[in-house]
């Protein structure tokens, strides 16, 4: 994976996922990302989840440059787009290949972990309520001491 340490206004990132027909990310897949106006490109490889990222050192005069992104024989064409007045925000575009490949949501482990925590909290609260109810029922069965008037 390529890495650029330029300021945000000189950096342009192309990122995305390459997925198979089952929607799962394909690892170790080459992705070509090329600015065809300046004839600069790079080939990056997807990680174990099918994610790739390519960084370019581009300037404001590169606004509108044609981009060619290719993976597994499929080509997509875009243009370099960003707000030239915004010098702080990341300049990037997301390009996915394959079906069911949009992994923009939280990772699956986060959903499972959150669900497990909610289940554990529900169990603890349920146990405390059950204990409290048993104590109240025991208290009703015993005669209460009367106060002296």
C-alpha atoms as a PDB file:
ATOM      1  CA  UNK A   1       0.000   0.000   0.000  1.00  0.00           C
ATOM      2  CA  UNK A   2       1.233   3.471  -0.858  1.00  0.00           C
ATOM      3  CA  UNK A   3       1.351   6.213   1.718  1.00  0.00           C
ATOM      4  CA  UNK A   4       1.591   9.963   1.298  1.00  0.00           C
ATOM      5  CA  UNK A   5       2.473  12.375   4.065  1.00  0.00           C
ATOM      6  CA  UNK A   6       1.609  15.570   2.190  1.00  0.00           C
ATOM      7  CA  UNK A   7      -0.742  18.206   3.589  1.00  0.00           C
ATOM      8  CA  UNK A   8      -4.449  17.470   3.065  1.00  0.00           C
ATOM      9  CA  UNK A   9      -4.691  20.012   0.242  1.00  0.00           C
ATOM     10  CA  UNK A  10      -1.978  18.159  -1.726  1.00  0.00           C
ATOM     11  CA  UNK A  11      -3.298  14.662  -1.088  1.00  0.00           C
ATOM     12  CA  UNK A  12      -5.965  12.781  -3.011  1.00  0.00           C
ATOM     13  CA  UNK A  13      -6.984   9.290  -1.977  1.00  0.00           C
ATOM     14  CA  UNK A  14      -8.814   6.622  -3.937  1.00  0.00           C
ATOM     15  CA  UNK A  15     -10.128   3.840  -1.716  1.00  0.00           C
ATOM     16  CA  UNK A  16     -12.666   1.066  -1.820  1.00  0.00           C
ATOM     17  CA  UNK A  17     -13.313  -2.643  -1.799  1.00  0.00           C
ATOM     18  CA  UNK A  18     -13.004  -5.418  -4.357  1.00  0.00           C
ATOM     19  CA  UNK A  19     -15.555  -8.162  -3.766  1.00  0.00           C
ATOM     20  CA  UNK A  20     -16.558 -11.420  -5.352  1.00  0.00           C
ATOM     21  CA  UNK A  21     -20.038 -12.470  -6.431  1.00  0.00           C
ATOM     22  CA  UNK A  22     -20.800 -13.567  -2.874  1.00  0.00           C
ATOM     23  CA  UNK A  23     -20.157 -10.017  -1.612  1.00  0.00           C
ATOM     24  CA  UNK A  24     -17.048 -11.012   0.352  1.00  0.00           C
ATOM     25  CA  UNK A  25     -13.850  -9.016  -0.030  1.00  0.00           C
ATOM     26  CA  UNK A  26     -11.151 -10.464  -2.271  1.00  0.00           C
ATOM     27  CA  UNK A  27      -7.646 -10.355  -0.819  1.00  0.00           C
ATOM     28  CA  UNK A  28      -4.402  -9.837  -2.752  1.00  0.00           C
ATOM     29  CA  UNK A  29      -6.165  -8.388  -5.797  1.00  0.00           C
ATOM     30  CA  UNK A  30      -4.315  -5.782  -7.873  1.00  0.00           C
ATOM     31  CA  UNK A  31      -6.070  -2.447  -8.379  1.00  0.00           C
ATOM     32  CA  UNK A  32      -4.752   0.076 -10.909  1.00  0.00           C
ATOM     33  CA  UNK A  33      -5.442   3.718 -10.105  1.00  0.00           C
ATOM     34  CA  UNK A  34      -4.308   6.203 -12.741  1.00  0.00           C
ATOM     35  CA  UNK A  35      -4.618   9.947 -13.393  1.00  0.00           C
ATOM     36  CA  UNK A  36      -4.661   9.734 -17.186  1.00  0.00           C
ATOM     37  CA  UNK A  37      -4.040  13.456 -17.784  1.00  0.00           C
ATOM     38  CA  UNK A  38      -0.635  13.423 -16.115  1.00  0.00           C
ATOM     39  CA  UNK A  39       0.075   9.771 -16.949  1.00  0.00           C
ATOM     40  CA  UNK A  40       0.691   8.898 -13.321  1.00  0.00           C
ATOM     41  CA  UNK A  41      -0.669   5.756 -11.778  1.00  0.00           C
ATOM     42  CA  UNK A  42      -0.006   3.073  -9.266  1.00  0.00           C
ATOM     43  CA  UNK A  43      -1.001  -0.495  -8.632  1.00  0.00           C
ATOM     44  CA  UNK A  44      -2.056  -1.318  -5.088  1.00  0.00           C
ATOM     45  CA  UNK A  45      -3.158  -4.622  -3.600  1.00  0.00           C
ATOM     46  CA  UNK A  46      -6.235  -5.359  -1.509  1.00  0.00           C
ATOM     47  CA  UNK A  47      -5.874  -6.483   2.094  1.00  0.00           C
ATOM     48  CA  UNK A  48      -7.544  -9.517   3.664  1.00  0.00           C
ATOM     49  CA  UNK A  49     -10.939  -7.775   3.623  1.00  0.00           C
ATOM     50  CA  UNK A  50     -10.708  -6.681  -0.016  1.00  0.00           C
ATOM     51  CA  UNK A  51      -9.900  -3.060   0.936  1.00  0.00           C
ATOM     52  CA  UNK A  52      -7.450  -0.960  -1.079  1.00  0.00           C
ATOM     53  CA  UNK A  53      -6.131   2.581  -0.830  1.00  0.00           C
ATOM     54  CA  UNK A  54      -4.042   4.617  -3.268  1.00  0.00           C
ATOM     55  CA  UNK A  55      -2.654   8.074  -2.400  1.00  0.00           C
ATOM     56  CA  UNK A  56      -1.701  10.726  -4.924  1.00  0.00           C
ATOM     57  CA  UNK A  57       0.129  14.029  -4.553  1.00  0.00           C
ATOM     58  CA  UNK A  58      -2.207  16.330  -6.458  1.00  0.00           C
ATOM     59  CA  UNK A  59      -2.693  20.093  -6.523  1.00  0.00           C
ATOM     60  CA  UNK A  60      -5.652  22.355  -7.217  1.00  0.00           C
ATOM     61  CA  UNK A  61      -4.774  22.413 -10.925  1.00  0.00           C
ATOM     62  CA  UNK A  62      -5.472  18.648 -10.992  1.00  0.00           C
ATOM     63  CA  UNK A  63      -9.163  19.337 -10.321  1.00  0.00           C
ATOM     64  CA  UNK A  64     -11.164  17.608 -13.051  1.00  0.00           C
ATOM     65  CA  UNK A  65      -8.370  15.245 -14.121  1.00  0.00           C
ATOM     66  CA  UNK A  66      -9.719  11.935 -15.456  1.00  0.00           C
ATOM     67  CA  UNK A  67      -9.163   8.924 -13.207  1.00  0.00           C
ATOM     68  CA  UNK A  68      -9.103   5.332 -14.367  1.00  0.00           C
ATOM     69  CA  UNK A  69      -9.575   2.673 -11.701  1.00  0.00           C
ATOM     70  CA  UNK A  70      -9.349  -0.981 -12.734  1.00  0.00           C
ATOM     71  CA  UNK A  71      -9.687  -4.255 -10.841  1.00  0.00           C
ATOM     72  CA  UNK A  72     -10.147  -7.797 -12.184  1.00  0.00           C
ATOM     73  CA  UNK A  73     -10.629  -6.519 -15.729  1.00  0.00           C
ATOM     74  CA  UNK A  74     -13.412  -4.097 -14.761  1.00  0.00           C
ATOM     75  CA  UNK A  75     -12.724  -0.404 -15.390  1.00  0.00           C
ATOM     76  CA  UNK A  76     -14.390   2.618 -13.831  1.00  0.00           C
ATOM     77  CA  UNK A  77     -13.818   6.219 -14.885  1.00  0.00           C
ATOM     78  CA  UNK A  78     -14.112   9.215 -12.572  1.00  0.00           C
ATOM     79  CA  UNK A  79     -12.829  12.749 -12.326  1.00  0.00           C
ATOM     80  CA  UNK A  80     -10.713  14.231  -9.555  1.00  0.00           C
ATOM     81  CA  UNK A  81     -13.246  16.269  -7.575  1.00  0.00           C
ATOM     82  CA  UNK A  82     -12.807  18.364  -4.446  1.00  0.00           C
ATOM     83  CA  UNK A  83     -13.363  21.890  -3.151  1.00  0.00           C
ATOM     84  CA  UNK A  84     -10.152  23.808  -3.965  1.00  0.00           C
ATOM     85  CA  UNK A  85     -10.953  26.359  -1.228  1.00  0.00           C
ATOM     86  CA  UNK A  86     -11.125  23.663   1.471  1.00  0.00           C
ATOM     87  CA  UNK A  87      -7.553  23.130   2.620  1.00  0.00           C
ATOM     88  CA  UNK A  88      -8.413  20.979   5.655  1.00  0.00           C
ATOM     89  CA  UNK A  89     -10.737  18.137   4.581  1.00  0.00           C
ATOM     90  CA  UNK A  90      -9.454  14.905   3.130  1.00  0.00           C
ATOM     91  CA  UNK A  91      -9.749  14.795  -0.637  1.00  0.00           C
ATOM     92  CA  UNK A  92     -10.875  11.326  -1.592  1.00  0.00           C
ATOM     93  CA  UNK A  93     -13.186   9.172  -3.627  1.00  0.00           C
ATOM     94  CA  UNK A  94     -14.566   5.713  -2.859  1.00  0.00           C
ATOM     95  CA  UNK A  95     -14.715   3.189  -5.702  1.00  0.00           C
ATOM     96  CA  UNK A  96     -15.946  -0.366  -5.104  1.00  0.00           C
ATOM     97  CA  UNK A  97     -15.796  -3.349  -7.443  1.00  0.00           C
ATOM     98  CA  UNK A  98     -18.110  -6.333  -7.257  1.00  0.00           C
ATOM     99  CA  UNK A  99     -21.583  -6.919  -5.882  1.00  0.00           C
ATOM    100  CA  UNK A 100     -22.653  -6.388  -2.289  1.00  0.00           C
ATOM    101  CA  UNK A 101     -19.331  -4.786  -1.634  1.00  0.00           C
ATOM    102  CA  UNK A 102     -20.286  -1.627   0.202  1.00  0.00           C
ATOM    103  CA  UNK A 103     -18.540  -1.981   3.539  1.00  0.00           C
ATOM    104  CA  UNK A 104     -19.188   1.574   4.627  1.00  0.00           C
ATOM    105  CA  UNK A 105     -21.064   0.520   7.763  1.00  0.00           C
ATOM    106  CA  UNK A 106     -19.538  -0.634  11.010  1.00  0.00           C
ATOM    107  CA  UNK A 107     -17.656  -3.943  10.959  1.00  0.00           C
ATOM    108  CA  UNK A 108     -19.659  -7.089  11.755  1.00  0.00           C
ATOM    109  CA  UNK A 109     -17.706  -7.729  14.969  1.00  0.00           C
ATOM    110  CA  UNK A 110     -18.989  -4.388  16.282  1.00  0.00           C
ATOM    111  CA  UNK A 111     -22.612  -5.492  15.796  1.00  0.00           C
ATOM    112  CA  UNK A 112     -21.988  -8.845  17.478  1.00  0.00           C
ATOM    113  CA  UNK A 113     -20.043  -7.262  20.337  1.00  0.00           C
ATOM    114  CA  UNK A 114     -22.722  -4.625  20.903  1.00  0.00           C
ATOM    115  CA  UNK A 115     -25.429  -7.283  20.867  1.00  0.00           C
ATOM    116  CA  UNK A 116     -23.547  -9.381  23.396  1.00  0.00           C
ATOM    117  CA  UNK A 117     -23.162  -6.386  25.711  1.00  0.00           C
ATOM    118  CA  UNK A 118     -26.874  -5.571  25.506  1.00  0.00           C
ATOM    119  CA  UNK A 119     -27.754  -9.212  26.235  1.00  0.00           C
ATOM    120  CA  UNK A 120     -25.398  -9.287  29.235  1.00  0.00           C
ATOM    121  CA  UNK A 121     -26.813  -6.032  30.607  1.00  0.00           C
ATOM    122  CA  UNK A 122     -30.369  -7.354  30.156  1.00  0.00           C
ATOM    123  CA  UNK A 123     -29.485 -10.544  32.029  1.00  0.00           C
ATOM    124  CA  UNK A 124     -27.969  -8.634  34.955  1.00  0.00           C
ATOM    125  CA  UNK A 125     -30.942  -6.272  35.200  1.00  0.00           C
ATOM    126  CA  UNK A 126     -33.368  -9.211  34.993  1.00  0.00           C
ATOM    127  CA  UNK A 127     -31.542 -11.043  37.789  1.00  0.00           C
ATOM    128  CA  UNK A 128     -31.605  -7.969  40.043  1.00  0.00           C
ATOM    129  CA  UNK A 129     -35.319  -7.451  39.424  1.00  0.00           C
ATOM    130  CA  UNK A 130     -36.044 -11.108  40.224  1.00  0.00           C
ATOM    131  CA  UNK A 131     -34.083 -10.878  43.512  1.00  0.00           C
ATOM    132  CA  UNK A 132     -35.839  -7.665  44.447  1.00  0.00           C
ATOM    133  CA  UNK A 133     -39.241  -9.220  43.776  1.00  0.00           C
ATOM    134  CA  UNK A 134     -38.386 -12.291  45.889  1.00  0.00           C
ATOM    135  CA  UNK A 135     -37.336 -10.064  48.807  1.00  0.00           C
ATOM    136  CA  UNK A 136     -40.606  -8.152  48.587  1.00  0.00           C
ATOM    137  CA  UNK A 137     -42.620 -11.384  48.566  1.00  0.00           C
ATOM    138  CA  UNK A 138     -40.734 -12.706  51.620  1.00  0.00           C
ATOM    139  CA  UNK A 139     -41.313  -9.446  53.426  1.00  0.00           C
ATOM    140  CA  UNK A 140     -45.092  -9.672  52.895  1.00  0.00           C
ATOM    141  CA  UNK A 141     -45.283 -13.133  54.474  1.00  0.00           C
ATOM    142  CA  UNK A 142     -43.677 -12.108  57.806  1.00  0.00           C
ATOM    143  CA  UNK A 143     -45.713 -10.241  60.421  1.00  0.00           C
ATOM    144  CA  UNK A 144     -44.552  -6.697  60.781  1.00  0.00           C
ATOM    145  CA  UNK A 145     -43.737  -5.196  64.153  1.00  0.00           C
ATOM    146  CA  UNK A 146     -46.328  -2.741  65.290  1.00  0.00           C
ATOM    147  CA  UNK A 147     -45.352   0.675  66.467  1.00  0.00           C
ATOM    148  CA  UNK A 148     -46.271   1.928  69.862  1.00  0.00           C
ATOM    149  CA  UNK A 149     -48.587   4.876  69.737  1.00  0.00           C
END
